[in-house]
């Protein structure tokens, strides 16, 4: 949850006052004109990293950074600044072992995984827990604005392999995902987490290629305070080839994440998180499409009218419409899977529709003689300000690349800063993106670090969408991950306080 500094509300706002024949509805116009909303730094930020580790083998990490150089709220004189904390949420109930179920109150009172007292210093912490749990990352006061976190898992085992990352997100009332499958061998796990101190209740809607899925147990789903709940997609939508998921809260707020693991009989076929997509709209940007692999575009049209969608590829030389794929039709209330040929260079995708839609792109990367890995990128918001990528693996045969796509009709300018372990800027690369073009930026770690930590700074908010690609190979096959970048919240709109009641009209005497 992200909250702002609220000193009060204008007296009488939203209240009808009747005195004789005079009526006021809401604050007078003069109050609104003289006391507009102002931008203020947030004073509390809470993010959730979904289901970190959960495997006996593998390399799991959790990265946290409070962006350097951002304005923070003024602290009360003499008040102590609390650190950023990372705490495990309660484990979900285990019907086979009820005594092992975590207690929310006990989890909340437990020692944090890590505490961070400084702004601007990236902190990367190994996570080792066979149980697997979500972690709540909380910053208050001067450490709340620009708080970002990310998780990563690398598995190179015989029965499960792949690389997956996920941005840690703030609790919201609504989440959308397009991707995953409930076919045999494809397991989707919907992780609902509640880092707040009050219970939450959500409804889960699902669609597939045939239409709306009427799945039992998806309405009025309770998520206790300071805990998480896991729902298996293959149980809710058995046999569906491609799905869309909508999580909507009717009480409280939650975070949501959708993890995918695929096998063919006992042979691993990859694992990933499906990044959350923007809510359905008529104009979408999907960053981070690799120049290789089997790529497919998945679009959901949740309304009652078929959607006519125009498709553009944001290539290295600018935007163009692919042959025979420039216009596609998505049947109302279904998910459509479209094989995508976006060329041999990295790209972004723009979708313009006459009906609200949202979507993602599934990528399967294979090597000769080895197994594949799977990854998704999803429709994303353009960057609104400085945006970090924390766990960009750049060692042991694995490389990371930023894929930056312009969303404007003029040259878009961005700066990519590479941070050292102490938070100083070790390298700074200014970039110019031609209109509608995608530019790849290889990432290099500083010194002997295993990860590159970078901050993307757009010159103009809303001019760029971005994603990070992690790719590599080992003796057993390909490794691939895609993660759209999400700008952290720095400021919020806050109404200015009105110090006294507005004048009240004199009563009107009855004739």
Protein backbone atom coordinates (compact mmCIF):
# COMPACT_ATOMS: atom_id res chain seq x y z
CA UNK A 1 0.00 0.00 0.00
CA UNK A 2 1.25 3.48 -0.83
CA UNK A 3 -0.16 6.31 1.23
CA UNK A 4 0.47 10.04 1.22
CA UNK A 5 0.64 12.75 3.86
CA UNK A 6 -2.97 13.71 4.52
CA UNK A 7 -3.28 16.55 6.98
CA UNK A 8 -7.04 16.81 6.48
CA UNK A 9 -9.80 17.35 4.01
CA UNK A 10 -11.72 20.47 3.03
CA UNK A 11 -14.57 20.85 5.48
CA UNK A 12 -17.94 20.10 3.96
CA UNK A 13 -16.53 18.28 0.91
CA UNK A 14 -19.07 15.92 -0.64
CA UNK A 15 -21.76 16.89 1.92
CA UNK A 16 -25.00 18.62 0.98
CA UNK A 17 -25.78 21.47 3.38
CA UNK A 18 -29.35 22.77 3.40
CA UNK A 19 -30.14 25.97 5.30
CA UNK A 20 -33.62 27.23 4.52
CA UNK A 21 -33.72 27.65 0.73
CA UNK A 22 -29.90 27.55 0.22
CA UNK A 23 -28.04 24.36 -0.78
CA UNK A 24 -24.30 23.74 -1.14
CA UNK A 25 -23.06 20.46 -2.68
CA UNK A 26 -19.33 19.94 -2.12
CA UNK A 27 -16.85 22.75 -1.56
CA UNK A 28 -17.46 26.08 -3.30
CA UNK A 29 -15.59 26.71 -6.54
CA UNK A 30 -13.44 29.35 -4.86
CA UNK A 31 -12.16 26.75 -2.40
CA UNK A 32 -11.25 24.34 -5.20
CA UNK A 33 -9.58 27.10 -7.25
CA UNK A 34 -7.62 28.48 -4.32
CA UNK A 35 -6.62 25.08 -2.89
CA UNK A 36 -5.89 22.66 -5.76
CA UNK A 37 -4.19 19.30 -5.31
CA UNK A 38 -0.42 19.41 -4.99
CA UNK A 39 2.26 16.79 -5.58
CA UNK A 40 3.89 15.52 -2.40
CA UNK A 41 6.40 12.71 -1.74
CA UNK A 42 4.81 9.49 -0.50
CA UNK A 43 5.41 8.76 3.17
CA UNK A 44 4.83 4.99 3.12
CA UNK A 45 5.50 2.47 0.35
CA UNK A 46 4.77 -1.24 0.50
CA UNK A 47 5.70 -3.76 -2.19
CA UNK A 48 5.36 -7.53 -2.38
CA UNK A 49 7.84 -9.91 -3.99
CA UNK A 50 5.79 -12.98 -4.95
CA UNK A 51 6.83 -16.46 -3.88
CA UNK A 52 10.61 -16.16 -3.59
CA UNK A 53 12.59 -19.44 -3.83
CA UNK A 54 10.47 -22.48 -2.87
CA UNK A 55 13.07 -24.93 -4.23
CA UNK A 56 15.70 -27.09 -2.57
CA UNK A 57 18.20 -26.21 -5.29
CA UNK A 58 18.74 -23.06 -7.26
CA UNK A 59 19.86 -19.49 -6.80
CA UNK A 60 17.25 -17.05 -5.51
CA UNK A 61 17.85 -13.36 -4.85
CA UNK A 62 15.85 -10.34 -3.76
CA UNK A 63 17.00 -6.83 -4.70
CA UNK A 64 15.88 -3.55 -3.09
CA UNK A 65 16.69 0.07 -3.93
CA UNK A 66 15.34 3.42 -2.80
CA UNK A 67 16.14 5.59 -5.80
CA UNK A 68 18.87 8.17 -5.21
CA UNK A 69 18.27 11.86 -5.74
CA UNK A 70 14.52 11.99 -5.08
CA UNK A 71 12.71 14.41 -2.77
CA UNK A 72 11.38 13.00 0.48
CA UNK A 73 8.83 14.22 2.97
CA UNK A 74 10.18 16.28 5.86
CA UNK A 75 10.43 14.32 9.08
CA UNK A 76 9.20 15.64 12.37
CA UNK A 77 11.99 17.21 14.38
CA UNK A 78 13.72 14.59 16.48
CA UNK A 79 11.85 11.69 14.87
CA UNK A 80 13.89 8.59 14.15
CA UNK A 81 13.91 7.41 10.52
CA UNK A 82 12.85 3.74 10.35
CA UNK A 83 14.75 1.54 7.89
CA UNK A 84 13.34 -0.25 4.86
CA UNK A 85 12.40 -3.76 5.98
CA UNK A 86 11.88 -7.01 4.09
CA UNK A 87 9.67 -9.50 5.95
CA UNK A 88 8.19 -12.85 5.01
CA UNK A 89 4.42 -13.10 4.77
CA UNK A 90 2.56 -15.99 6.37
CA UNK A 91 2.60 -19.23 4.43
CA UNK A 92 -0.65 -20.46 2.84
CA UNK A 93 -2.56 -23.24 4.61
CA UNK A 94 -1.19 -26.73 3.94
CA UNK A 95 -4.07 -29.24 4.19
CA UNK A 96 -1.60 -32.14 4.52
CA UNK A 97 0.33 -30.49 7.35
CA UNK A 98 -1.87 -27.96 9.21
CA UNK A 99 0.64 -27.52 12.02
CA UNK A 100 3.19 -26.09 9.57
CA UNK A 101 0.92 -23.24 8.49
CA UNK A 102 2.40 -19.88 9.33
CA UNK A 103 0.54 -17.55 11.66
CA UNK A 104 0.12 -14.00 10.27
CA UNK A 105 0.74 -12.32 13.62
CA UNK A 106 3.85 -14.41 14.27
CA UNK A 107 5.18 -13.75 10.78
CA UNK A 108 4.64 -10.00 11.16
CA UNK A 109 6.54 -10.00 14.43
CA UNK A 110 9.45 -12.08 13.10
CA UNK A 111 12.88 -10.68 12.37
CA UNK A 112 13.16 -9.08 8.91
CA UNK A 113 15.15 -10.80 6.19
CA UNK A 114 17.06 -7.55 5.76
CA UNK A 115 16.89 -3.92 6.93
CA UNK A 116 18.17 -1.04 4.79
CA UNK A 117 18.97 2.31 6.36
CA UNK A 118 20.35 4.19 3.34
CA UNK A 119 18.81 5.64 0.20
CA UNK A 120 20.50 5.01 -3.13
CA UNK A 121 22.43 1.85 -2.20
CA UNK A 122 21.28 -1.32 -4.04
CA UNK A 123 20.88 -4.26 -1.67
CA UNK A 124 20.89 -7.80 -3.09
CA UNK A 125 20.07 -10.58 -0.63
CA UNK A 126 20.19 -14.36 -1.27
CA UNK A 127 16.98 -16.13 -0.28
CA UNK A 128 17.03 -19.75 0.81
CA UNK A 129 13.72 -21.27 1.81
CA UNK A 130 12.37 -24.57 0.57
CA UNK A 131 8.90 -23.51 1.64
CA UNK A 132 8.68 -20.50 -0.65
CA UNK A 133 6.88 -17.37 0.47
CA UNK A 134 6.13 -13.80 -0.53
CA UNK A 135 8.11 -10.96 1.03
CA UNK A 136 6.76 -7.54 1.97
CA UNK A 137 9.16 -4.63 1.37
CA UNK A 138 8.20 -1.54 3.37
CA UNK A 139 9.67 1.94 3.43
CA UNK A 140 8.49 4.89 5.52
CA UNK A 141 9.26 8.58 5.77
CA UNK A 142 12.35 9.64 3.86
CA UNK A 143 12.88 6.10 2.50
CA UNK A 144 9.38 5.70 1.02
CA UNK A 145 9.61 7.69 -2.27
CA UNK A 146 11.08 5.77 -5.20
CA UNK A 147 11.17 2.40 -3.43
CA UNK A 148 11.70 -0.50 -5.87
CA UNK A 149 12.30 -4.22 -5.45
CA UNK A 150 12.76 -7.27 -7.65
CA UNK A 151 13.17 -11.03 -7.24
CA UNK A 152 15.07 -13.63 -9.28
CA UNK A 153 15.33 -17.42 -9.40
CA UNK A 154 17.77 -19.52 -11.45
CA UNK A 155 17.28 -23.30 -11.62
CA UNK A 156 19.48 -25.65 -13.62
CA UNK A 157 18.26 -29.03 -12.44
CA UNK A 158 17.30 -32.19 -14.29
CA UNK A 159 13.61 -31.95 -13.40
CA UNK A 160 13.19 -28.14 -13.41
CA UNK A 161 15.25 -25.48 -15.13
CA UNK A 162 14.98 -21.89 -16.26
CA UNK A 163 15.49 -18.31 -15.12
CA UNK A 164 12.66 -16.11 -13.88
CA UNK A 165 12.43 -12.61 -12.46
CA UNK A 166 9.53 -10.50 -11.27
CA UNK A 167 9.14 -6.89 -10.24
CA UNK A 168 7.78 -6.53 -6.71
CA UNK A 169 4.51 -4.62 -6.89
CA UNK A 170 2.27 -2.50 -4.67
CA UNK A 171 -1.16 -3.71 -3.49
CA UNK A 172 -3.97 -2.62 -5.80
CA UNK A 173 -7.65 -3.29 -6.30
CA UNK A 174 -7.21 -4.70 -9.81
CA UNK A 175 -4.74 -6.92 -11.69
CA UNK A 176 -4.73 -8.35 -15.25
CA UNK A 177 -2.70 -11.21 -16.74
CA UNK A 178 -2.81 -12.62 -20.26
CA UNK A 179 -0.92 -15.84 -20.69
CA UNK A 180 -0.30 -19.20 -19.08
CA UNK A 181 -2.17 -22.34 -19.93
CA UNK A 182 -4.00 -25.16 -18.16
CA UNK A 183 -3.03 -27.87 -20.62
CA UNK A 184 -1.38 -31.03 -19.35
CA UNK A 185 2.21 -30.28 -18.41
CA UNK A 186 1.62 -26.53 -18.06
CA UNK A 187 1.10 -25.36 -14.52
CA UNK A 188 0.05 -21.84 -13.63
CA UNK A 189 0.15 -20.63 -10.03
CA UNK A 190 -1.74 -17.43 -9.10
CA UNK A 191 -0.16 -15.92 -5.99
CA UNK A 192 -2.36 -13.48 -4.05
CA UNK A 193 -0.57 -11.58 -1.27
CA UNK A 194 -1.90 -9.19 1.33
CA UNK A 195 0.82 -7.17 3.11
CA UNK A 196 -1.70 -4.95 4.94
CA UNK A 197 -3.08 -5.29 8.45
CA UNK A 198 -6.68 -5.86 7.32
CA UNK A 199 -8.18 -8.90 5.50
CA UNK A 200 -8.87 -8.65 1.78
CA UNK A 201 -11.56 -10.25 -0.39
CA UNK A 202 -11.14 -10.68 -4.16
CA UNK A 203 -13.00 -12.06 -7.16
CA UNK A 204 -11.11 -13.87 -9.93
CA UNK A 205 -12.41 -13.84 -13.50
CA UNK A 206 -11.00 -16.09 -16.23
CA UNK A 207 -11.25 -16.28 -20.02
CA UNK A 208 -9.81 -18.67 -22.60
CA UNK A 209 -10.05 -19.25 -26.32
CA UNK A 210 -13.68 -20.38 -25.97
CA UNK A 211 -14.95 -17.56 -23.74
CA UNK A 212 -15.62 -16.90 -20.07
CA UNK A 213 -14.63 -19.73 -17.70
CA UNK A 214 -17.14 -20.49 -14.96
CA UNK A 215 -14.74 -21.79 -12.34
CA UNK A 216 -15.89 -22.67 -8.79
CA UNK A 217 -14.22 -21.04 -5.82
CA UNK A 218 -13.23 -17.84 -7.63
CA UNK A 219 -15.67 -15.44 -5.97
CA UNK A 220 -15.26 -13.85 -2.52
CA UNK A 221 -11.79 -15.32 -2.09
CA UNK A 222 -10.38 -14.31 1.29
CA UNK A 223 -6.73 -13.32 1.74
CA UNK A 224 -5.94 -12.84 5.44
CA UNK A 225 -3.87 -9.91 6.64
CA UNK A 226 -0.08 -10.27 6.33
CA UNK A 227 -0.40 -13.53 4.39
CA UNK A 228 -0.66 -15.04 0.93
CA UNK A 229 -2.97 -17.43 -0.90
CA UNK A 230 -2.18 -19.60 -3.92
CA UNK A 231 -4.65 -20.73 -6.58
CA UNK A 232 -3.73 -23.30 -9.25
CA UNK A 233 -4.72 -22.27 -12.75
CA UNK A 234 -4.77 -25.84 -14.05
CA UNK A 235 -7.46 -26.63 -11.47
CA UNK A 236 -9.55 -23.56 -12.32
CA UNK A 237 -9.34 -23.77 -16.14
CA UNK A 238 -8.45 -27.39 -16.92
CA UNK A 239 -7.61 -27.91 -20.60
CA UNK A 240 -7.55 -24.25 -21.60
CA UNK A 241 -4.84 -23.53 -24.18
CA UNK A 242 -4.38 -19.87 -23.28
CA UNK A 243 -6.00 -17.87 -20.50
CA UNK A 244 -6.57 -14.36 -19.21
CA UNK A 245 -6.98 -13.61 -15.51
CA UNK A 246 -8.60 -10.61 -13.84
CA UNK A 247 -8.25 -10.17 -10.07
CA UNK A 248 -10.52 -7.52 -8.54
CA UNK A 249 -10.73 -6.64 -4.87
CA UNK A 250 -14.05 -5.98 -3.18
CA UNK A 251 -12.43 -5.43 0.23
CA UNK A 252 -8.88 -4.29 0.91
CA UNK A 253 -6.04 -4.51 -1.58
CA UNK A 254 -3.74 -7.31 -2.68
CA UNK A 255 -0.82 -7.92 -4.98
CA UNK A 256 -1.08 -10.66 -7.59
CA UNK A 257 1.49 -12.66 -9.57
CA UNK A 258 1.14 -15.49 -12.09
CA UNK A 259 3.95 -18.05 -12.23
CA UNK A 260 4.22 -20.63 -15.04
CA UNK A 261 6.16 -23.90 -15.04
CA UNK A 262 6.07 -26.25 -18.02
CA UNK A 263 7.11 -29.88 -18.58
CA UNK A 264 6.73 -32.50 -21.28
CA UNK A 265 6.19 -35.69 -19.32
CA UNK A 266 9.22 -35.38 -16.99
CA UNK A 267 11.35 -33.14 -19.22
CA UNK A 268 11.41 -29.48 -18.10
CA UNK A 269 10.27 -26.94 -20.71
CA UNK A 270 10.94 -23.73 -18.78
CA UNK A 271 9.53 -21.49 -16.06
CA UNK A 272 8.65 -17.81 -15.80
CA UNK A 273 6.33 -15.18 -14.37
CA UNK A 274 3.68 -13.68 -16.62
CA UNK A 275 4.10 -9.93 -15.96
CA UNK A 276 0.95 -8.06 -15.02
CA UNK A 277 -0.63 -6.27 -17.99
CA UNK A 278 -2.29 -2.86 -18.01
CA UNK A 279 -6.08 -2.83 -17.68
CA UNK A 280 -7.97 -3.14 -21.00
CA UNK A 281 -7.76 -0.02 -23.14
CA UNK A 282 -7.65 0.99 -26.81
CA UNK A 283 -3.94 1.83 -27.13
CA UNK A 284 -1.28 -0.57 -25.81
CA UNK A 285 2.53 -0.81 -25.77
CA UNK A 286 4.31 -4.16 -25.26
CA UNK A 287 8.09 -3.80 -24.77
CA UNK A 288 10.86 -6.36 -24.87
CA UNK A 289 10.18 -8.77 -27.77
CA UNK A 290 13.36 -10.74 -28.58
CA UNK A 291 14.63 -11.13 -32.14
CA UNK A 292 14.54 -14.93 -31.95
CA UNK A 293 12.46 -17.76 -30.60
CA UNK A 294 8.87 -18.82 -31.17
CA UNK A 295 6.80 -15.70 -30.45
CA UNK A 296 3.03 -15.48 -30.12
CA UNK A 297 0.79 -12.51 -29.33
CA UNK A 298 -2.06 -13.14 -26.90
CA UNK A 299 -4.93 -10.65 -26.69
CA UNK A 300 -8.07 -10.69 -24.55
CA UNK A 301 -11.18 -8.67 -25.44
CA UNK A 302 -13.26 -8.96 -22.24
CA UNK A 303 -16.17 -6.84 -23.52
CA UNK A 304 -19.30 -7.78 -25.45
CA UNK A 305 -18.09 -6.56 -28.87
CA UNK A 306 -15.44 -8.00 -31.17
CA UNK A 307 -12.23 -5.96 -31.18
CA UNK A 308 -10.58 -4.87 -34.44
CA UNK A 309 -6.90 -4.45 -33.61
CA UNK A 310 -4.19 -2.72 -35.62
CA UNK A 311 -0.69 -4.05 -34.99
CA UNK A 312 2.61 -2.22 -35.39
CA UNK A 313 6.11 -3.53 -34.78
CA UNK A 314 8.51 -1.04 -33.18
CA UNK A 315 11.68 -2.16 -34.95
CA UNK A 316 15.26 -0.92 -34.83
CA UNK A 317 14.54 1.50 -37.70
CA UNK A 318 11.08 2.61 -36.56
CA UNK A 319 7.48 1.41 -36.61
CA UNK A 320 6.02 -0.73 -39.38
CA UNK A 321 2.99 -2.97 -39.96
CA UNK A 322 3.84 -6.66 -40.47
CA UNK A 323 2.66 -8.28 -43.68
CA UNK A 324 -0.70 -10.07 -43.29
CA UNK A 325 -0.78 -9.20 -39.58
CA UNK A 326 -1.49 -5.49 -39.67
CA UNK A 327 -5.14 -6.02 -38.60
CA UNK A 328 -6.48 -8.84 -36.42
CA UNK A 329 -9.91 -9.53 -34.99
CA UNK A 330 -10.43 -10.72 -31.41
CA UNK A 331 -13.81 -12.29 -30.73
CA UNK A 332 -15.66 -10.69 -27.84
CA UNK A 333 -15.10 -12.39 -24.50
CA UNK A 334 -12.21 -14.60 -25.67
CA UNK A 335 -8.43 -14.84 -25.75
CA UNK A 336 -6.80 -14.98 -29.18
CA UNK A 337 -3.33 -16.46 -29.77
CA UNK A 338 -1.59 -15.08 -32.87
CA UNK A 339 1.79 -16.38 -34.14
CA UNK A 340 4.01 -13.32 -34.41
CA UNK A 341 6.79 -12.61 -36.88
CA UNK A 342 8.52 -9.49 -35.60
CA UNK A 343 11.80 -10.08 -37.42
CA UNK A 344 15.30 -11.01 -36.30
CA UNK A 345 15.96 -7.86 -34.27
CA UNK A 346 14.52 -7.02 -30.85
CA UNK A 347 11.32 -4.99 -31.01
CA UNK A 348 8.31 -3.60 -29.20
CA UNK A 349 4.65 -3.91 -30.19
CA UNK A 350 1.92 -1.29 -30.40
CA UNK A 351 -1.75 -2.32 -30.49
CA UNK A 352 -4.58 0.09 -31.37
CA UNK A 353 -8.11 -1.23 -31.01
CA UNK A 354 -11.67 -0.01 -31.39
CA UNK A 355 -12.59 -1.89 -28.17
CA UNK A 356 -10.72 -2.20 -24.86
CA UNK A 357 -8.14 -4.99 -24.92
CA UNK A 358 -4.99 -6.04 -23.12
CA UNK A 359 -2.34 -8.60 -23.95
CA UNK A 360 1.06 -10.22 -23.70
CA UNK A 361 3.65 -12.00 -25.83
CA UNK A 362 4.83 -15.53 -25.12
CA UNK A 363 8.34 -16.48 -26.24
CA UNK A 364 9.80 -19.99 -26.33
CA UNK A 365 13.56 -20.11 -26.86
CA UNK A 366 15.35 -23.38 -27.66
CA UNK A 367 18.89 -24.49 -28.51
CA UNK A 368 20.18 -27.30 -30.69
CA UNK A 369 20.09 -30.48 -28.67
CA UNK A 370 18.89 -28.76 -25.51
CA UNK A 371 15.64 -27.95 -23.78
CA UNK A 372 13.69 -24.71 -24.17
CA UNK A 373 12.90 -21.92 -21.76
CA UNK A 374 9.73 -19.83 -21.80
CA UNK A 375 9.19 -16.12 -21.07
CA UNK A 376 6.44 -13.50 -21.28
CA UNK A 377 6.33 -9.76 -21.73
CA UNK A 378 3.11 -7.81 -21.27
CA UNK A 379 1.35 -4.54 -22.12
CA UNK A 380 2.97 -1.90 -19.91
CA UNK A 381 2.80 1.74 -18.93
CA UNK A 382 5.45 4.08 -20.36
CA UNK A 383 8.11 5.11 -17.85
CA UNK A 384 7.11 8.12 -15.76
CA UNK A 385 10.52 8.81 -14.24
CA UNK A 386 13.75 7.10 -13.11
CA UNK A 387 13.20 3.32 -13.20
CA UNK A 388 15.64 0.66 -11.95
CA UNK A 389 16.43 -2.88 -13.10
CA UNK A 390 18.16 -4.51 -10.14
CA UNK A 391 18.92 -8.16 -10.85
CA UNK A 392 20.29 -8.10 -14.39
CA UNK A 393 22.43 -11.25 -14.41
CA UNK A 394 25.71 -10.70 -16.23
CA UNK A 395 27.95 -13.64 -15.33
CA UNK A 396 28.37 -17.40 -15.88
CA UNK A 397 27.36 -17.32 -19.53
CA UNK A 398 24.18 -15.30 -18.93
CA UNK A 399 23.74 -11.84 -20.46
CA UNK A 400 21.24 -9.05 -19.82
CA UNK A 401 20.00 -6.44 -22.28
CA UNK A 402 17.67 -3.47 -21.93
CA UNK A 403 15.15 -3.13 -24.76
CA UNK A 404 13.97 0.49 -24.99
CA UNK A 405 11.09 1.43 -27.31
CA UNK A 406 9.97 4.95 -28.21
CA UNK A 407 6.27 5.77 -27.81
CA UNK A 408 6.44 9.25 -29.38
CA UNK A 409 6.69 10.71 -32.87
CA UNK A 410 9.86 12.64 -32.07
CA UNK A 411 13.27 11.55 -30.88
CA UNK A 412 13.06 10.11 -27.36
CA UNK A 413 16.06 10.65 -25.11
CA UNK A 414 16.99 8.51 -22.12
CA UNK A 415 20.04 8.02 -19.92
CA UNK A 416 21.06 4.59 -18.63
CA UNK A 417 23.01 4.77 -15.36
CA UNK A 418 24.94 1.76 -14.09
CA UNK A 419 25.30 1.75 -10.30
CA UNK A 420 28.22 0.46 -8.27
CA UNK A 421 27.69 -1.52 -5.08
CA UNK A 422 27.85 1.68 -2.98
CA UNK A 423 25.20 3.42 -5.12
CA UNK A 424 27.55 5.70 -7.03
CA UNK A 425 27.10 6.00 -10.80
CA UNK A 426 29.86 3.91 -12.34
CA UNK A 427 28.80 4.55 -15.95
CA UNK A 428 26.27 6.80 -17.67
CA UNK A 429 25.10 6.27 -21.25
CA UNK A 430 22.86 8.81 -23.00
CA UNK A 431 20.62 7.29 -25.69
CA UNK A 432 18.54 8.70 -28.54
CA UNK A 433 15.62 6.62 -29.79
CA UNK A 434 14.21 7.41 -33.26
CA UNK A 435 10.40 7.79 -33.37
CA UNK A 436 8.69 4.42 -32.86
CA UNK A 437 12.01 2.55 -32.72
CA UNK A 438 13.50 -0.04 -30.35
CA UNK A 439 17.13 0.21 -29.19
CA UNK A 440 18.91 -2.65 -27.35
CA UNK A 441 21.39 -1.72 -24.59
CA UNK A 442 23.74 -4.50 -23.37
CA UNK A 443 24.31 -4.39 -19.61
CA UNK A 444 27.65 -4.91 -17.88
CA UNK A 445 28.15 -5.54 -14.17
CA UNK A 446 30.57 -3.40 -12.18
CA UNK A 447 33.70 -5.18 -10.95
CA UNK A 448 33.16 -8.83 -10.03
CA UNK A 449 29.42 -8.45 -9.30
CA UNK A 450 27.10 -11.13 -10.71
CA UNK A 451 24.38 -8.59 -11.50
CA UNK A 452 24.23 -5.24 -13.25
CA UNK A 453 22.11 -2.65 -11.45
CA UNK A 454 20.90 0.12 -13.76
CA UNK A 455 18.52 3.06 -13.64
CA UNK A 456 16.74 4.21 -16.81
CA UNK A 457 16.05 7.96 -16.75
CA UNK A 458 13.71 9.22 -19.52
CA UNK A 459 14.09 12.87 -20.47
CA UNK A 460 10.31 13.20 -20.93
CA UNK A 461 7.82 11.13 -18.90
CA UNK A 462 5.73 8.82 -21.06
CA UNK A 463 8.14 8.76 -24.00
CA UNK A 464 9.59 5.27 -23.55
CA UNK A 465 8.54 1.74 -22.63
CA UNK A 466 11.27 -0.63 -21.48
CA UNK A 467 11.93 -4.26 -20.65
CA UNK A 468 14.95 -6.31 -19.64
CA UNK A 469 15.93 -9.53 -21.40
CA UNK A 470 18.09 -12.14 -19.64
CA UNK A 471 19.36 -14.87 -21.95
CA UNK A 472 21.94 -17.60 -22.05
CA UNK A 473 22.43 -21.33 -22.39
CA UNK A 474 23.99 -24.24 -20.55
CA UNK A 475 24.62 -27.89 -21.41
CA UNK A 476 20.91 -28.67 -20.93
CA UNK A 477 19.41 -25.91 -23.08
CA UNK A 478 18.28 -22.31 -23.27
CA UNK A 479 17.73 -19.75 -20.51
CA UNK A 480 15.41 -16.79 -21.12
CA UNK A 481 13.58 -14.17 -19.05
CA UNK A 482 11.69 -10.98 -19.97
CA UNK A 483 10.60 -8.32 -17.47
CA UNK A 484 8.91 -5.02 -18.36
CA UNK A 485 10.22 -2.16 -16.22
CA UNK A 486 7.74 -0.44 -13.87
CA UNK A 487 8.44 3.08 -12.60
CA UNK A 488 8.35 3.32 -8.78
CA UNK A 489 6.04 5.81 -7.13
CA UNK A 490 7.77 8.97 -5.94
CA UNK A 491 4.96 11.49 -5.48
CA UNK A 492 1.17 11.45 -5.20
CA UNK A 493 -1.55 14.06 -5.51
CA UNK A 494 -2.59 15.49 -2.15
CA UNK A 495 -5.38 18.04 -1.58
CA UNK A 496 -4.25 21.23 0.10
CA UNK A 497 -5.78 21.70 3.54
CA UNK A 498 -8.46 24.35 4.05
CA UNK A 499 -8.02 25.88 7.47
CA UNK A 500 -11.59 26.99 8.11
CA UNK A 501 -15.15 26.37 7.01
CA UNK A 502 -16.41 28.31 4.00
CA UNK A 503 -18.96 31.02 4.58
CA UNK A 504 -22.47 29.65 5.07
CA UNK A 505 -25.41 31.52 3.53
CA UNK A 506 -27.82 33.19 5.85
CA UNK A 507 -31.10 31.28 6.39
CA UNK A 508 -33.92 32.27 4.08
CA UNK A 509 -37.04 33.31 5.95
CA UNK A 510 -40.31 31.74 4.92
CA UNK A 511 -42.81 34.22 3.46
